[in-house]
Amino acid sequence: MTPSDEDWMRRALALANRAGDAGEVPIGAVLVKANTLIAEGWNCPIGTNDPTAHAEIMALRAAGSHLGNYRLIDTVLYVTLEPCVMCMGAIIHARVKRLVFGAPDPKRGAVCSALQLADSEFLNHKVEYQGGVLKEDCGNLLRGFFQERR
């Protein structure tokens, strides 16, 4: 049976929990090609002292190494939160075909919320996107994390 968007997002949620357990903002990402897992990542900027170590960037880096190419043609990236401007730029440059995210980020989301980079005319690559997959689960995980911190 072919995994669904929800199946892949559940895997991303498991990775987000891994980040949260380490004291990082709980965001996870999974990169898939031809319904096969290529790479995964979770937030780890605090533990690595690397401001670019967002879940999406970690998954893109691992995928590039795995595939031996910085162009990630015909891939799908699943991430639990709408990507920020840095991550969206990397997704576009990597030529990810499709992006699926869980919770929207009205304050910093760069796909279709605060910025609409996926629909920008100046870009030479268009990323297909779909938001809201397991939106409640993804949002609840983030809300719970930040409520515990307050």
C-alpha atoms as a PDB file:
ATOM      1  CA  MET A   1       0.000   0.000   0.000  1.00  0.00           C
ATOM      2  CA  THR A   2       1.333   3.436  -0.964  1.00  0.00           C
ATOM      3  CA  PRO A   3       1.830   5.783   2.000  1.00  0.00           C
ATOM      4  CA  SER A   4      -0.502   8.793   2.040  1.00  0.00           C
ATOM      5  CA  ASP A   5       0.304  12.419   2.825  1.00  0.00           C
ATOM      6  CA  GLU A   6      -1.048  11.754   6.307  1.00  0.00           C
ATOM      7  CA  ASP A   7       1.263   8.755   6.749  1.00  0.00           C
ATOM      8  CA  TRP A   8       4.333  10.808   5.824  1.00  0.00           C
ATOM      9  CA  MET A   9       3.185  13.680   8.053  1.00  0.00           C
ATOM     10  CA  ARG A  10       2.856  11.254  10.975  1.00  0.00           C
ATOM     11  CA  ARG A  11       6.501  10.342  10.453  1.00  0.00           C
ATOM     12  CA  ALA A  12       7.386  14.055  10.425  1.00  0.00           C
ATOM     13  CA  LEU A  13       5.424  14.453  13.675  1.00  0.00           C
ATOM     14  CA  ALA A  14       7.462  11.662  15.268  1.00  0.00           C
ATOM     15  CA  LEU A  15      10.610  13.569  14.316  1.00  0.00           C
ATOM     16  CA  ALA A  16       9.110  16.776  15.689  1.00  0.00           C
ATOM     17  CA  ASN A  17       8.609  14.983  19.004  1.00  0.00           C
ATOM     18  CA  ARG A  18      12.271  13.985  18.907  1.00  0.00           C
ATOM     19  CA  ALA A  19      13.202  17.663  18.572  1.00  0.00           C
ATOM     20  CA  GLY A  20      10.862  18.621  21.407  1.00  0.00           C
ATOM     21  CA  ASP A  21      12.337  15.945  23.664  1.00  0.00           C
ATOM     22  CA  ALA A  22      15.745  17.545  23.083  1.00  0.00           C
ATOM     23  CA  GLY A  23      14.422  20.983  24.066  1.00  0.00           C
ATOM     24  CA  GLU A  24      14.201  22.232  20.484  1.00  0.00           C
ATOM     25  CA  VAL A  25      11.083  23.713  18.888  1.00  0.00           C
ATOM     26  CA  PRO A  26       9.223  20.546  17.790  1.00  0.00           C
ATOM     27  CA  ILE A  27       9.311  20.620  14.010  1.00  0.00           C
ATOM     28  CA  GLY A  28      10.031  17.596  11.837  1.00  0.00           C
ATOM     29  CA  ALA A  29      10.537  17.074   8.108  1.00  0.00           C
ATOM     30  CA  VAL A  30      10.566  14.090   5.760  1.00  0.00           C
ATOM     31  CA  LEU A  31      11.721  14.107   2.125  1.00  0.00           C
ATOM     32  CA  VAL A  32      10.278  11.463  -0.193  1.00  0.00           C
ATOM     33  CA  LYS A  33      10.955  10.484  -3.808  1.00  0.00           C
ATOM     34  CA  ALA A  34       8.776   7.966  -5.667  1.00  0.00           C
ATOM     35  CA  ASN A  35       7.044   7.136  -2.352  1.00  0.00           C
ATOM     36  CA  THR A  36      10.401   6.173  -0.818  1.00  0.00           C
ATOM     37  CA  LEU A  37      11.920   7.908   2.195  1.00  0.00           C
ATOM     38  CA  ILE A  38      15.085   9.721   1.095  1.00  0.00           C
ATOM     39  CA  ALA A  39      15.899  11.848   4.141  1.00  0.00           C
ATOM     40  CA  GLU A  40      14.520  13.266   7.339  1.00  0.00           C
ATOM     41  CA  GLY A  41      15.326  16.044   9.744  1.00  0.00           C
ATOM     42  CA  TRP A  42      14.175  17.777  12.890  1.00  0.00           C
ATOM     43  CA  ASN A  43      14.902  21.130  14.461  1.00  0.00           C
ATOM     44  CA  CYS A  44      18.294  21.264  16.161  1.00  0.00           C
ATOM     45  CA  PRO A  45      19.662  24.844  16.031  1.00  0.00           C
ATOM     46  CA  ILE A  46      20.126  25.033  19.822  1.00  0.00           C
ATOM     47  CA  GLY A  47      21.989  21.742  20.169  1.00  0.00           C
ATOM     48  CA  THR A  48      24.179  22.364  17.133  1.00  0.00           C
ATOM     49  CA  ASN A  49      24.687  26.106  17.675  1.00  0.00           C
ATOM     50  CA  ASP A  50      23.609  26.495  14.057  1.00  0.00           C
ATOM     51  CA  PRO A  51      20.870  29.009  13.233  1.00  0.00           C
ATOM     52  CA  THR A  52      20.252  27.235   9.916  1.00  0.00           C
ATOM     53  CA  ALA A  53      19.580  23.820  11.490  1.00  0.00           C
ATOM     54  CA  HIS A  54      15.837  23.898  10.896  1.00  0.00           C
ATOM     55  CA  ALA A  55      14.084  20.581  10.211  1.00  0.00           C
ATOM     56  CA  GLU A  56      13.678  21.351   6.504  1.00  0.00           C
ATOM     57  CA  ILE A  57      17.328  22.317   6.036  1.00  0.00           C
ATOM     58  CA  MET A  58      18.503  19.182   7.842  1.00  0.00           C
ATOM     59  CA  ALA A  59      16.321  17.007   5.582  1.00  0.00           C
ATOM     60  CA  LEU A  60      17.481  18.826   2.419  1.00  0.00           C
ATOM     61  CA  ARG A  61      21.143  18.433   3.410  1.00  0.00           C
ATOM     62  CA  ALA A  62      20.717  14.730   4.095  1.00  0.00           C
ATOM     63  CA  ALA A  63      18.832  14.251   0.806  1.00  0.00           C
ATOM     64  CA  GLY A  64      21.525  16.020  -1.196  1.00  0.00           C
ATOM     65  CA  SER A  65      24.161  13.757   0.334  1.00  0.00           C
ATOM     66  CA  HIS A  66      22.048  10.654  -0.215  1.00  0.00           C
ATOM     67  CA  LEU A  67      21.242  11.457  -3.843  1.00  0.00           C
ATOM     68  CA  GLY A  68      24.639  12.965  -4.650  1.00  0.00           C
ATOM     69  CA  ASN A  69      22.988  16.096  -6.026  1.00  0.00           C
ATOM     70  CA  TYR A  70      21.867  19.430  -4.650  1.00  0.00           C
ATOM     71  CA  ARG A  71      18.910  19.365  -7.035  1.00  0.00           C
ATOM     72  CA  LEU A  72      16.168  17.311  -5.440  1.00  0.00           C
ATOM     73  CA  ILE A  73      14.057  16.863  -8.556  1.00  0.00           C
ATOM     74  CA  ASP A  74      10.685  15.085  -8.237  1.00  0.00           C
ATOM     75  CA  THR A  75      10.746  15.042  -4.451  1.00  0.00           C
ATOM     76  CA  VAL A  76       8.066  15.827  -1.888  1.00  0.00           C
ATOM     77  CA  LEU A  77       8.916  17.511   1.407  1.00  0.00           C
ATOM     78  CA  TYR A  78       6.604  16.989   4.384  1.00  0.00           C
ATOM     79  CA  VAL A  79       7.055  19.397   7.295  1.00  0.00           C
ATOM     80  CA  THR A  80       4.952  19.919  10.406  1.00  0.00           C
ATOM     81  CA  LEU A  81       4.971  23.754  10.241  1.00  0.00           C
ATOM     82  CA  GLU A  82       4.781  26.108   7.283  1.00  0.00           C
ATOM     83  CA  PRO A  83       8.414  26.901   6.352  1.00  0.00           C
ATOM     84  CA  CYS A  84      10.101  30.209   7.124  1.00  0.00           C
ATOM     85  CA  VAL A  85      11.720  32.404   4.488  1.00  0.00           C
ATOM     86  CA  MET A  86      15.139  30.720   4.857  1.00  0.00           C
ATOM     87  CA  CYS A  87      13.705  27.239   4.468  1.00  0.00           C
ATOM     88  CA  MET A  88      11.407  28.230   1.624  1.00  0.00           C
ATOM     89  CA  GLY A  89      14.394  29.692  -0.232  1.00  0.00           C
ATOM     90  CA  ALA A  90      16.305  26.439   0.188  1.00  0.00           C
ATOM     91  CA  ILE A  91      13.284  24.386  -0.920  1.00  0.00           C
ATOM     92  CA  ILE A  92      12.994  26.463  -4.082  1.00  0.00           C
ATOM     93  CA  HIS A  93      16.724  26.320  -4.848  1.00  0.00           C
ATOM     94  CA  ALA A  94      16.725  22.549  -4.340  1.00  0.00           C
ATOM     95  CA  ARG A  95      13.899  22.247  -6.899  1.00  0.00           C
ATOM     96  CA  VAL A  96      11.625  20.306  -4.565  1.00  0.00           C
ATOM     97  CA  LYS A  97       8.537  19.498  -6.613  1.00  0.00           C
ATOM     98  CA  ARG A  98       5.919  19.517  -3.865  1.00  0.00           C
ATOM     99  CA  LEU A  99       5.722  20.797  -0.312  1.00  0.00           C
ATOM    100  CA  VAL A 100       3.176  19.511   2.193  1.00  0.00           C
ATOM    101  CA  PHE A 101       2.961  21.209   5.579  1.00  0.00           C
ATOM    102  CA  GLY A 102       0.832  20.728   8.651  1.00  0.00           C
ATOM    103  CA  ALA A 103       0.191  23.870  10.669  1.00  0.00           C
ATOM    104  CA  PRO A 104       0.225  27.310   9.048  1.00  0.00           C
ATOM    105  CA  ASP A 105       2.486  29.974  10.549  1.00  0.00           C
ATOM    106  CA  PRO A 106       0.600  33.271  10.262  1.00  0.00           C
ATOM    107  CA  LYS A 107       3.498  35.332  11.697  1.00  0.00           C
ATOM    108  CA  ARG A 108       6.513  33.865   9.859  1.00  0.00           C
ATOM    109  CA  GLY A 109       5.217  31.395   7.275  1.00  0.00           C
ATOM    110  CA  ALA A 110       6.786  32.087   3.892  1.00  0.00           C
ATOM    111  CA  VAL A 111       4.761  29.713   1.694  1.00  0.00           C
ATOM    112  CA  CYS A 112       1.349  31.356   1.741  1.00  0.00           C
ATOM    113  CA  SER A 113       0.847  33.141   5.087  1.00  0.00           C
ATOM    114  CA  ALA A 114       3.074  36.092   6.100  1.00  0.00           C
ATOM    115  CA  LEU A 115       4.878  35.826   2.739  1.00  0.00           C
ATOM    116  CA  GLN A 116       3.700  34.072  -0.408  1.00  0.00           C
ATOM    117  CA  LEU A 117       7.016  32.886  -1.858  1.00  0.00           C
ATOM    118  CA  ALA A 118       5.491  29.796  -3.451  1.00  0.00           C
ATOM    119  CA  ASP A 119       3.444  32.082  -5.688  1.00  0.00           C
ATOM    120  CA  SER A 120       6.102  34.748  -6.357  1.00  0.00           C
ATOM    121  CA  GLU A 121       6.513  35.772  -9.980  1.00  0.00           C
ATOM    122  CA  PHE A 122      10.252  36.483  -9.680  1.00  0.00           C
ATOM    123  CA  LEU A 123      11.213  32.859  -8.948  1.00  0.00           C
ATOM    124  CA  ASN A 124      12.340  30.502 -11.699  1.00  0.00           C
ATOM    125  CA  HIS A 125      10.985  27.394  -9.943  1.00  0.00           C
ATOM    126  CA  LYS A 126       7.442  26.932  -8.694  1.00  0.00           C
ATOM    127  CA  VAL A 127       6.871  24.592  -5.778  1.00  0.00           C
ATOM    128  CA  GLU A 128       3.467  22.955  -5.590  1.00  0.00           C
ATOM    129  CA  TYR A 129       2.169  23.142  -2.041  1.00  0.00           C
ATOM    130  CA  GLN A 130      -0.585  21.937   0.227  1.00  0.00           C
ATOM    131  CA  GLY A 131      -1.094  23.057   3.790  1.00  0.00           C
ATOM    132  CA  GLY A 132      -3.217  21.750   6.613  1.00  0.00           C
ATOM    133  CA  VAL A 133      -2.311  18.045   6.551  1.00  0.00           C
ATOM    134  CA  LEU A 134      -2.779  16.885  10.160  1.00  0.00           C
ATOM    135  CA  LYS A 135      -3.019  20.581  10.988  1.00  0.00           C
ATOM    136  CA  GLU A 136      -4.518  20.021  14.447  1.00  0.00           C
ATOM    137  CA  ASP A 137      -1.919  17.456  15.521  1.00  0.00           C
ATOM    138  CA  CYS A 138       0.938  19.636  14.272  1.00  0.00           C
ATOM    139  CA  GLY A 139      -0.460  22.797  15.850  1.00  0.00           C
ATOM    140  CA  ASN A 140      -1.228  21.106  19.168  1.00  0.00           C
ATOM    141  CA  LEU A 141       2.331  19.822  19.434  1.00  0.00           C
ATOM    142  CA  LEU A 142       3.735  23.324  18.968  1.00  0.00           C
ATOM    143  CA  ARG A 143       1.201  24.966  21.304  1.00  0.00           C
ATOM    144  CA  GLY A 144       1.905  22.393  24.014  1.00  0.00           C
ATOM    145  CA  PHE A 145       5.638  22.927  23.709  1.00  0.00           C
ATOM    146  CA  PHE A 146       5.363  26.693  24.115  1.00  0.00           C
ATOM    147  CA  GLN A 147       2.793  26.454  26.942  1.00  0.00           C
ATOM    148  CA  GLU A 148       5.251  24.315  28.912  1.00  0.00           C
ATOM    149  CA  ARG A 149       7.938  26.965  28.405  1.00  0.00           C
ATOM    150  CA  ARG A 150       5.798  29.786  29.835  1.00  0.00           C
END
